[in-house]
Protein backbone atom coordinates (compact mmCIF):
# COMPACT_ATOMS: atom_id res chain seq x y z
CA UNK A 1 -19.95 -16.93 -42.34
CA UNK A 2 -17.16 -18.52 -41.15
CA UNK A 3 -17.01 -19.56 -37.44
CA UNK A 4 -14.93 -17.80 -34.91
CA UNK A 5 -13.32 -20.29 -32.52
CA UNK A 6 -12.73 -18.97 -28.71
CA UNK A 7 -10.14 -20.67 -26.05
CA UNK A 8 -11.66 -20.03 -22.54
CA UNK A 9 -8.81 -20.36 -19.83
CA UNK A 10 -10.20 -20.10 -16.44
CA UNK A 11 -13.39 -21.82 -15.65
CA UNK A 12 -14.04 -19.95 -12.34
CA UNK A 13 -16.77 -17.89 -11.54
CA UNK A 14 -16.82 -15.71 -14.40
CA UNK A 15 -15.33 -18.20 -16.72
CA UNK A 16 -18.15 -20.77 -16.31
CA UNK A 17 -20.74 -17.86 -17.10
CA UNK A 18 -18.87 -16.62 -20.22
CA UNK A 19 -19.24 -20.58 -21.05
CA UNK A 20 -22.45 -20.68 -20.04
CA UNK A 21 -23.78 -17.66 -22.27
CA UNK A 22 -21.55 -18.74 -25.62
CA UNK A 23 -23.03 -22.60 -25.12
CA UNK A 24 -26.73 -21.29 -23.76
CA UNK A 25 -27.20 -18.36 -25.61
CA UNK A 26 -24.97 -19.60 -29.12
CA UNK A 27 -27.85 -18.84 -31.13
CA UNK A 28 -28.91 -15.92 -30.34
CA UNK A 29 -25.75 -14.30 -30.11
CA UNK A 30 -25.16 -15.32 -33.93
CA UNK A 31 -28.09 -13.38 -34.27
CA UNK A 32 -27.25 -10.45 -33.22
CA UNK A 33 -23.36 -10.49 -34.89
CA UNK A 34 -24.37 -12.40 -37.62
CA UNK A 35 -20.94 -14.73 -36.99
CA UNK A 36 -21.73 -18.25 -35.34
CA UNK A 37 -18.96 -18.47 -32.13
CA UNK A 38 -17.71 -21.58 -30.94
CA UNK A 39 -16.14 -22.50 -27.80
CA UNK A 40 -13.69 -24.43 -28.98
CA UNK A 41 -11.37 -25.03 -25.71
CA UNK A 42 -12.25 -24.44 -21.85
CA UNK A 43 -8.56 -24.91 -19.90
CA UNK A 44 -8.67 -24.81 -16.04
CA UNK A 45 -6.54 -27.24 -13.79
CA UNK A 46 -9.85 -28.36 -11.73
CA UNK A 47 -11.86 -30.84 -14.24
CA UNK A 48 -13.58 -32.10 -11.44
CA UNK A 49 -15.69 -29.27 -10.48
CA UNK A 50 -19.48 -29.68 -11.42
CA UNK A 51 -19.82 -26.78 -13.01
CA UNK A 52 -23.30 -27.39 -14.00
CA UNK A 53 -22.94 -27.77 -18.22
CA UNK A 54 -21.83 -29.78 -20.37
CA UNK A 55 -19.12 -29.97 -22.79
CA UNK A 56 -18.93 -31.66 -25.80
CA UNK A 57 -15.87 -34.10 -25.92
CA UNK A 58 -12.22 -32.44 -26.41
CA UNK A 59 -13.24 -28.89 -25.23
CA UNK A 60 -12.46 -28.73 -21.05
CA UNK A 61 -8.66 -29.56 -21.26
CA UNK A 62 -5.79 -28.23 -18.46
CA UNK A 63 -2.88 -27.06 -20.49
CA UNK A 64 -3.98 -23.19 -21.53
CA UNK A 65 -1.61 -23.18 -23.56
CA UNK A 66 -2.77 -25.63 -26.03
CA UNK A 67 -5.61 -22.70 -26.75
CA UNK A 68 -2.42 -20.63 -27.58
CA UNK A 69 -0.29 -22.37 -29.74
CA UNK A 70 -3.78 -23.70 -32.07
CA UNK A 71 -3.57 -21.89 -34.59
CA UNK A 72 -7.46 -22.36 -35.27
CA UNK A 73 -8.34 -20.38 -32.06
CA UNK A 74 -9.18 -16.56 -33.06
CA UNK A 75 -9.95 -14.89 -29.90
CA UNK A 76 -8.53 -15.52 -26.13
CA UNK A 77 -10.60 -14.77 -23.03
CA UNK A 78 -8.00 -15.42 -20.03
CA UNK A 79 -10.10 -15.50 -16.75
CA UNK A 80 -7.24 -16.51 -14.66
CA UNK A 81 -6.23 -13.63 -13.04
CA UNK A 82 -2.88 -12.51 -11.33
CA UNK A 83 -0.46 -10.36 -13.11
CA UNK A 84 2.96 -12.95 -14.40
CA UNK A 85 1.23 -15.93 -15.71
CA UNK A 86 -1.72 -14.43 -17.81
CA UNK A 87 0.77 -11.40 -19.05
CA UNK A 88 2.77 -13.95 -20.44
CA UNK A 89 -0.50 -15.81 -22.25
CA UNK A 90 -1.51 -12.44 -23.33
CA UNK A 91 1.46 -11.72 -24.70
CA UNK A 92 1.63 -14.94 -26.35
CA UNK A 93 -1.59 -14.75 -27.65
CA UNK A 94 -0.97 -11.47 -28.97
CA UNK A 95 2.58 -12.36 -30.74
CA UNK A 96 0.27 -15.32 -32.74
CA UNK A 97 -1.76 -13.06 -34.46
CA UNK A 98 -4.64 -13.70 -31.95
CA UNK A 99 -7.50 -11.33 -30.24
CA UNK A 100 -7.61 -11.10 -26.80
CA UNK A 101 -10.79 -10.82 -24.26
CA UNK A 102 -9.60 -9.88 -20.32
CA UNK A 103 -11.25 -8.46 -17.28
CA UNK A 104 -7.91 -8.62 -15.57
CA UNK A 105 -7.88 -4.76 -14.13
CA UNK A 106 -4.90 -5.21 -11.55
CA UNK A 107 -2.81 -6.62 -15.18
CA UNK A 108 -3.93 -3.75 -17.73
CA UNK A 109 -3.49 -0.68 -14.63
CA UNK A 110 0.09 -2.41 -14.26
CA UNK A 111 1.38 -3.94 -17.21
CA UNK A 112 -1.27 -2.44 -19.55
CA UNK A 113 0.65 0.48 -21.63
CA UNK A 114 3.08 -2.67 -22.57
CA UNK A 115 -0.05 -5.07 -23.92
CA UNK A 116 -1.88 -2.59 -25.60
CA UNK A 117 1.51 -1.11 -27.79
CA UNK A 118 1.96 -4.98 -28.77
CA UNK A 119 -1.46 -5.39 -29.71
CA UNK A 120 -1.68 -2.46 -31.87
CA UNK A 121 1.85 -3.66 -33.41
CA UNK A 122 0.26 -7.30 -34.02
CA UNK A 123 -2.97 -5.74 -35.90
CA UNK A 124 -4.84 -7.37 -32.99
CA UNK A 125 -7.94 -6.32 -30.44
CA UNK A 126 -7.52 -6.10 -27.05
CA UNK A 127 -11.27 -6.07 -25.18
CA UNK A 128 -11.42 -5.37 -21.53
CA UNK A 129 -15.13 -4.26 -20.74
CA UNK A 130 -15.69 -6.47 -17.61
CA UNK A 131 -12.34 -4.90 -16.30
CA UNK A 132 -14.50 -1.91 -14.78
CA UNK A 133 -18.24 -2.05 -13.66
CA UNK A 134 -18.72 -5.59 -14.38
CA UNK A 135 -22.24 -5.04 -16.36
CA UNK A 136 -22.08 -1.16 -16.38
CA UNK A 137 -20.76 -0.32 -19.94
CA UNK A 138 -18.29 2.44 -18.73
CA UNK A 139 -15.40 1.17 -21.04
CA UNK A 140 -17.63 1.20 -24.53
CA UNK A 141 -19.16 4.43 -23.38
CA UNK A 142 -15.79 6.46 -23.09
CA UNK A 143 -14.24 4.86 -26.11
CA UNK A 144 -17.29 4.94 -28.47
CA UNK A 145 -20.42 6.88 -26.88
CA UNK A 146 -18.42 9.98 -25.68
CA UNK A 147 -15.81 10.21 -28.36
CA UNK A 148 -17.32 13.75 -29.59
CA UNK A 149 -16.83 14.68 -25.43
CA UNK A 150 -14.36 16.60 -23.56
CA UNK A 151 -13.68 14.67 -20.52
CA UNK A 152 -13.53 17.25 -17.66
CA UNK A 153 -14.68 14.43 -14.47
CA UNK A 154 -15.84 11.23 -13.62
CA UNK A 155 -16.69 10.13 -9.95
CA UNK A 156 -17.64 6.46 -9.36
CA UNK A 157 -17.97 3.58 -6.70
CA UNK A 158 -16.03 1.08 -8.53
CA UNK A 159 -15.97 -1.84 -5.86
CA UNK A 160 -18.75 -3.16 -4.68
CA UNK A 161 -17.30 -4.77 -1.73
CA UNK A 162 -16.22 -1.33 0.06
CA UNK A 163 -20.06 -0.66 -1.07
CA UNK A 164 -21.71 -3.02 0.39
CA UNK A 165 -19.51 -2.62 3.91
CA UNK A 166 -20.24 0.93 4.08
CA UNK A 167 -23.69 0.06 3.50
CA UNK A 168 -24.10 -2.32 6.35
CA UNK A 169 -22.34 0.40 8.79
CA UNK A 170 -24.46 3.32 7.34
CA UNK A 171 -28.07 1.28 7.54
CA UNK A 172 -27.59 -0.70 10.71
CA UNK A 173 -24.61 1.18 12.59
CA UNK A 174 -22.46 -2.19 12.57
CA UNK A 175 -18.64 -2.21 13.56
CA UNK A 176 -15.87 -2.09 10.45
CA UNK A 177 -15.12 -6.01 11.13
CA UNK A 178 -18.97 -7.39 11.47
CA UNK A 179 -19.87 -5.57 8.14
CA UNK A 180 -16.62 -7.17 6.46
CA UNK A 181 -17.60 -10.40 8.17
CA UNK A 182 -21.02 -10.65 6.71
CA UNK A 183 -19.59 -9.64 3.20
CA UNK A 184 -17.31 -12.52 3.17
CA UNK A 185 -20.19 -14.60 4.19
CA UNK A 186 -22.41 -12.95 1.39
CA UNK A 187 -19.12 -13.86 -0.99
CA UNK A 188 -18.80 -10.02 -1.50
CA UNK A 189 -15.32 -9.98 -0.10
CA UNK A 190 -12.41 -12.25 -0.30
CA UNK A 191 -10.83 -14.31 2.74
CA UNK A 192 -8.08 -11.49 2.35
CA UNK A 193 -9.80 -8.61 1.99
CA UNK A 194 -7.06 -5.92 1.26
CA UNK A 195 -7.25 -5.04 -2.40
CA UNK A 196 -10.87 -4.10 -1.98
CA UNK A 197 -10.62 -1.93 1.72
CA UNK A 198 -7.72 -0.35 1.29
CA UNK A 199 -8.71 0.96 -2.07
CA UNK A 200 -6.24 -0.63 -4.68
CA UNK A 201 -9.39 -2.96 -6.73
CA UNK A 202 -11.00 1.20 -7.56
CA UNK A 203 -7.87 2.62 -8.22
CA UNK A 204 -7.29 0.02 -10.73
CA UNK A 205 -10.63 0.45 -12.52
CA UNK A 206 -9.56 4.23 -12.04
CA UNK A 207 -6.45 3.55 -13.32
CA UNK A 208 -7.70 2.20 -16.28
CA UNK A 209 -10.91 4.92 -16.89
CA UNK A 210 -8.72 7.75 -16.73
CA UNK A 211 -6.33 6.76 -19.31
CA UNK A 212 -9.22 6.39 -21.53
CA UNK A 213 -10.99 9.50 -21.11
CA UNK A 214 -7.75 12.10 -21.78
CA UNK A 215 -5.41 10.23 -23.88
CA UNK A 216 -2.92 9.33 -21.35
CA UNK A 217 -0.62 6.20 -20.24
CA UNK A 218 -2.39 4.40 -17.94
CA UNK A 219 -0.78 5.88 -14.96
CA UNK A 220 -2.05 3.58 -11.73
CA UNK A 221 1.40 4.59 -9.76
CA UNK A 222 0.86 8.31 -8.93
CA UNK A 223 -3.07 7.44 -8.13
CA UNK A 224 -3.50 8.52 -4.71
CA UNK A 225 -5.07 5.53 -2.96
CA UNK A 226 -7.18 5.33 0.92
CA UNK A 227 -9.15 2.60 2.17
CA UNK A 228 -12.11 2.56 4.61
CA UNK A 229 -10.98 0.36 7.26
CA UNK A 230 -11.05 3.32 9.78
CA UNK A 231 -14.60 4.59 9.20
CA UNK A 232 -16.15 4.26 11.88
CA UNK A 233 -20.13 4.60 12.69
CA UNK A 234 -19.43 7.40 14.71
CA UNK A 235 -18.20 9.04 11.40
CA UNK A 236 -20.87 7.76 9.46
CA UNK A 237 -23.36 9.45 11.98
CA UNK A 238 -21.92 12.77 12.13
CA UNK A 239 -21.83 12.78 8.00
CA UNK A 240 -25.34 12.01 8.23
CA UNK A 241 -26.24 15.11 10.49
CA UNK A 242 -24.71 17.34 8.50
CA UNK A 243 -26.54 16.16 5.25
CA UNK A 244 -24.06 13.24 3.99
CA UNK A 245 -23.38 9.75 3.62
CA UNK A 246 -19.80 8.30 3.05
CA UNK A 247 -18.83 6.52 -0.01
CA UNK A 248 -15.42 5.02 -1.19
CA UNK A 249 -15.22 7.19 -4.53
CA UNK A 250 -13.16 6.84 -7.13
CA UNK A 251 -12.44 10.56 -8.72
CA UNK A 252 -10.76 11.82 -11.40
CA UNK A 253 -10.63 15.49 -12.84
CA UNK A 254 -9.32 17.21 -15.73
CA UNK A 255 -7.45 19.98 -14.69
CA UNK A 256 -5.64 21.08 -18.10
CA UNK A 257 -2.44 20.84 -17.80
CA UNK A 258 -2.84 17.96 -15.20
CA UNK A 259 -5.36 15.16 -13.69
CA UNK A 260 -6.41 14.96 -10.14
CA UNK A 261 -6.92 10.51 -9.99
CA UNK A 262 -7.44 9.49 -6.48
CA UNK A 263 -9.57 6.61 -4.63
CA UNK A 264 -10.87 7.61 -0.78
CA UNK A 265 -13.94 7.41 1.25
CA UNK A 266 -15.48 10.53 0.81
CA UNK A 267 -19.01 12.30 1.62
CA UNK A 268 -21.47 12.86 -0.31
CA UNK A 269 -24.64 14.97 0.16
CA UNK A 270 -27.49 12.89 0.45
CA UNK A 271 -29.13 14.45 -2.34
CA UNK A 272 -26.87 13.02 -4.94
CA UNK A 273 -27.61 10.28 -7.01
CA UNK A 274 -24.74 8.39 -5.83
CA UNK A 275 -25.69 8.40 -2.16
CA UNK A 276 -28.32 6.17 -3.03
CA UNK A 277 -26.25 3.52 -4.35
CA UNK A 278 -26.24 0.21 -2.03
CA UNK A 279 -25.13 -2.65 -1.77
CA UNK A 280 -22.55 -4.25 -4.33
CA UNK A 281 -23.67 -2.10 -6.75
CA UNK A 282 -21.10 0.05 -9.01
CA UNK A 283 -22.07 3.36 -10.47
CA UNK A 284 -20.18 6.13 -12.07
CA UNK A 285 -21.17 9.82 -13.08
CA UNK A 286 -19.44 10.80 -16.21
CA UNK A 287 -19.32 15.01 -16.79
CA UNK A 288 -18.46 15.54 -20.61
CA UNK A 289 -19.18 19.19 -22.16
CA UNK A 290 -21.52 18.33 -24.73
CA UNK A 291 -23.89 15.59 -22.55
CA UNK A 292 -23.13 17.18 -19.20
CA UNK A 293 -23.59 14.22 -16.77
CA UNK A 294 -23.96 10.77 -17.93
CA UNK A 295 -24.70 8.38 -14.76
CA UNK A 296 -24.53 4.52 -15.66
CA UNK A 297 -24.99 2.07 -12.53
CA UNK A 298 -24.63 -2.29 -12.44
CA UNK A 299 -23.52 -5.23 -10.59
CA UNK A 300 -19.92 -4.79 -10.57
CA UNK A 301 -19.45 -7.88 -9.77
CA UNK A 302 -20.53 -11.67 -9.88
CA UNK A 303 -21.18 -14.36 -12.12
CA UNK A 304 -23.66 -13.51 -14.76
CA UNK A 305 -23.13 -9.35 -14.73
CA UNK A 306 -19.20 -9.83 -15.37
CA UNK A 307 -19.88 -12.39 -18.08
CA UNK A 308 -21.96 -10.59 -19.95
CA UNK A 309 -19.30 -7.70 -20.20
CA UNK A 310 -17.23 -10.20 -21.65
CA UNK A 311 -18.93 -12.03 -24.32
CA UNK A 312 -19.73 -8.04 -25.13
CA UNK A 313 -16.33 -7.78 -26.26
CA UNK A 314 -16.06 -11.10 -27.65
CA UNK A 315 -19.08 -9.76 -29.75
CA UNK A 316 -17.22 -7.10 -30.83
CA UNK A 317 -14.55 -8.84 -32.46
CA UNK A 318 -16.18 -11.22 -33.85
CA UNK A 319 -17.89 -8.04 -36.58
CA UNK A 320 -14.59 -6.46 -36.34
CA UNK A 321 -13.57 -10.03 -37.81
CA UNK A 322 -16.84 -10.11 -40.26
CA UNK A 323 -15.61 -7.22 -42.27
CA UNK A 324 -11.85 -7.40 -41.77
CA UNK A 325 -11.70 -4.24 -39.62
CA UNK A 326 -9.17 -5.32 -36.58
CA UNK A 327 -8.80 -1.93 -34.25
CA UNK A 328 -11.65 -0.37 -35.88
CA UNK A 329 -11.83 1.37 -32.38
CA UNK A 330 -8.75 1.86 -30.52
CA UNK A 331 -8.27 -0.11 -27.26
CA UNK A 332 -7.41 2.92 -25.52
CA UNK A 333 -9.85 5.28 -26.96
CA UNK A 334 -7.30 7.53 -28.74
CA UNK A 335 -5.14 6.74 -31.72
CA UNK A 336 -2.01 5.00 -30.22
CA UNK A 337 0.44 8.19 -31.62
CA UNK A 338 -2.04 10.59 -29.57
CA UNK A 339 -2.09 9.30 -26.33
CA UNK A 340 0.22 11.02 -24.27
CA UNK A 341 2.23 11.47 -20.78
CA UNK A 342 -0.08 13.74 -18.49
CA UNK A 343 1.08 14.29 -14.91
CA UNK A 344 -1.36 13.26 -12.02
CA UNK A 345 -1.11 16.41 -9.50
CA UNK A 346 -0.32 15.22 -6.31
CA UNK A 347 -3.12 14.77 -3.64
CA UNK A 348 -1.34 17.22 -1.73
CA UNK A 349 -2.32 19.92 -4.63
CA UNK A 350 -5.98 19.34 -4.62
CA UNK A 351 -8.49 21.93 -2.86
CA UNK A 352 -11.76 20.56 -1.46
CA UNK A 353 -13.73 20.59 1.77
CA UNK A 354 -13.04 18.60 4.53
CA UNK A 355 -14.52 16.96 7.71
CA UNK A 356 -12.32 16.43 10.51
CA UNK A 357 -13.05 14.85 13.76
CA UNK A 358 -11.25 15.63 16.97
CA UNK A 359 -10.85 13.90 19.82
CA UNK A 360 -9.97 16.12 22.30
CA UNK A 361 -10.14 17.27 26.32
CA UNK A 362 -13.25 19.11 28.11
CA UNK A 363 -11.65 22.28 28.61
CA UNK A 364 -12.18 25.70 27.92
CA UNK A 365 -10.24 27.41 25.22
CA UNK A 366 -9.46 23.76 23.41
CA UNK A 367 -11.67 24.90 20.75
CA UNK A 368 -10.26 28.46 20.02
CA UNK A 369 -6.64 27.20 19.62
CA UNK A 370 -7.68 24.34 17.00
CA UNK A 371 -9.57 26.89 15.52
CA UNK A 372 -6.50 29.81 15.22
CA UNK A 373 -4.05 26.89 14.13
CA UNK A 374 -6.54 26.37 10.97
CA UNK A 375 -6.57 29.93 10.58
CA UNK A 376 -3.20 30.29 10.68
CA UNK A 377 -3.02 28.41 7.72
CA UNK A 378 -5.87 29.80 5.60
CA UNK A 379 -8.48 26.95 6.75
CA UNK A 380 -12.20 28.92 7.27
CA UNK A 381 -14.07 26.83 9.15
CA UNK A 382 -17.83 25.98 7.86
CA UNK A 383 -19.29 24.65 10.63
CA UNK A 384 -18.86 22.42 13.97
CA UNK A 385 -20.49 20.23 15.86
CA UNK A 386 -19.71 18.84 19.50
CA UNK A 387 -22.17 15.92 20.82
CA UNK A 388 -21.22 12.21 22.06
CA UNK A 389 -20.34 11.08 24.92
CA UNK A 390 -16.58 11.54 26.89
CA UNK A 391 -14.25 8.37 25.89
CA UNK A 392 -11.32 7.71 27.51
CA UNK A 393 -11.25 11.19 28.85
CA UNK A 394 -11.98 13.22 25.40
CA UNK A 395 -14.83 14.37 23.71
CA UNK A 396 -15.68 14.58 19.89
CA UNK A 397 -15.17 17.77 17.83
CA UNK A 398 -16.50 17.64 14.51
CA UNK A 399 -15.53 20.31 12.12
CA UNK A 400 -16.16 21.18 8.33
CA UNK A 401 -14.34 23.66 6.90
CA UNK A 402 -14.75 25.69 3.70
CA UNK A 403 -12.55 24.79 0.57
CA UNK A 404 -9.03 24.04 1.37
CA UNK A 405 -5.66 22.56 -0.07
CA UNK A 406 -4.82 19.55 1.24
CA UNK A 407 -1.28 20.36 1.87
CA UNK A 408 -2.39 23.28 4.22
CA UNK A 409 -4.87 20.70 5.83
CA UNK A 410 -2.03 18.16 6.64
CA UNK A 411 0.45 20.90 7.81
CA UNK A 412 -2.84 21.86 10.41
CA UNK A 413 -3.33 18.82 11.63
CA UNK A 414 0.03 18.05 12.67
CA UNK A 415 0.13 21.62 14.71
CA UNK A 416 -3.14 20.24 16.32
CA UNK A 417 -1.96 17.19 17.37
CA UNK A 418 0.90 19.12 19.14
CA UNK A 419 -1.54 20.45 21.19
CA UNK A 420 -1.85 18.16 24.81
CA UNK A 421 -5.63 18.87 24.99
CA UNK A 422 -6.08 16.65 21.37
CA UNK A 423 -6.40 12.42 21.65
CA UNK A 424 -5.68 10.70 19.28
CA UNK A 425 -5.20 11.52 15.38
CA UNK A 426 -7.82 13.44 14.42
CA UNK A 427 -10.13 11.77 11.52
CA UNK A 428 -10.13 13.03 8.20
CA UNK A 429 -12.80 12.82 5.65
CA UNK A 430 -12.97 14.75 1.83
CA UNK A 431 -15.97 16.02 0.66
CA UNK A 432 -17.21 15.85 -2.59
CA UNK A 433 -20.15 18.21 -3.92
CA UNK A 434 -21.32 21.02 -5.59
CA UNK A 435 -21.58 23.76 -3.21
CA UNK A 436 -19.84 26.96 -4.48
CA UNK A 437 -17.43 29.03 -2.11
CA UNK A 438 -19.61 32.66 -1.06
């Protein structure tokens, strides 16, 4: 069988893992694919770093364009991240008839519609299993295993950094800043953690999954995004008292003529399987009309878990090449001419339960005033808890609501914020559970 030649662009953490699997386990991969896969090039500007690998002479280069321009390279593996240069390299590889594997969720979430069109026109594969969930095979599940299902919803923990931080706050009562510092020491968080803790990384992934699940264009710009930096140990303790834990969730729901797509902290019942996903793990529950609920979990980052997903894409492409069947499985799960625009609901239109914490002056009539404003805005209170020490002249009051519309909740909180007996802005956390209203 004719060998498949691959060129790896970027030999950082994940790229090194990819090279290691191809070099050390190439024979096993060939046994499974029926195709010898040859690592012809590895391109990286840092040629002096010790990666613990031995490359044959001429394999390691410092010019990525050498890979793009070599007609013998069949598959280009993009591992440099970022958007501008990565897109240029991928688009050039596609134009030259090369297949591409990438883990670049930020690029796909923002530029993917264009790149997938280019790949379909050129008749090459653009594979991206490692872009969402690391070693968790969620892309393959949506594209292949669940092809007979109408996807109804997806709810997942898609950022290991945030999950690690929230786990530390929950289990050890650490302040957010301390938990973040520990995540950075452990290598789970970048020096600039903004993409992770503000929810952008999870939203990139959700944009990709939502397009795959419903046959729509990738629509990152319309996803509602909220990070975890305002979550406090106090809110986590209150959540536990009510039977919940707090997770950063990526949520997508099929509403028929529109899609919910949102990323934000949410309260999850303690008996829900997602509440037990701790540390840097990722997990997702996918609901389909035939399978009901499917649960996937795995390490969403790290050298070898992510490299494993990259290798699965290389193997799929090598098998397609063996039988002359590029594009056998559509990149975005649906045939290109069946992908259509589907609107994303504004977050103000969603209906869910809410946790609201107020800081109020300890005076008679305060609770009645708040309850009155909520009632005037069609928000019914399910339970109330008042406890904790006075801080800066205020005491905490926590309310859980029945189902309410987000727009009504926001309007009520604006009105409550004008009361002279209410302190700083209320804390609002959405609740995701299966409780049915009476």
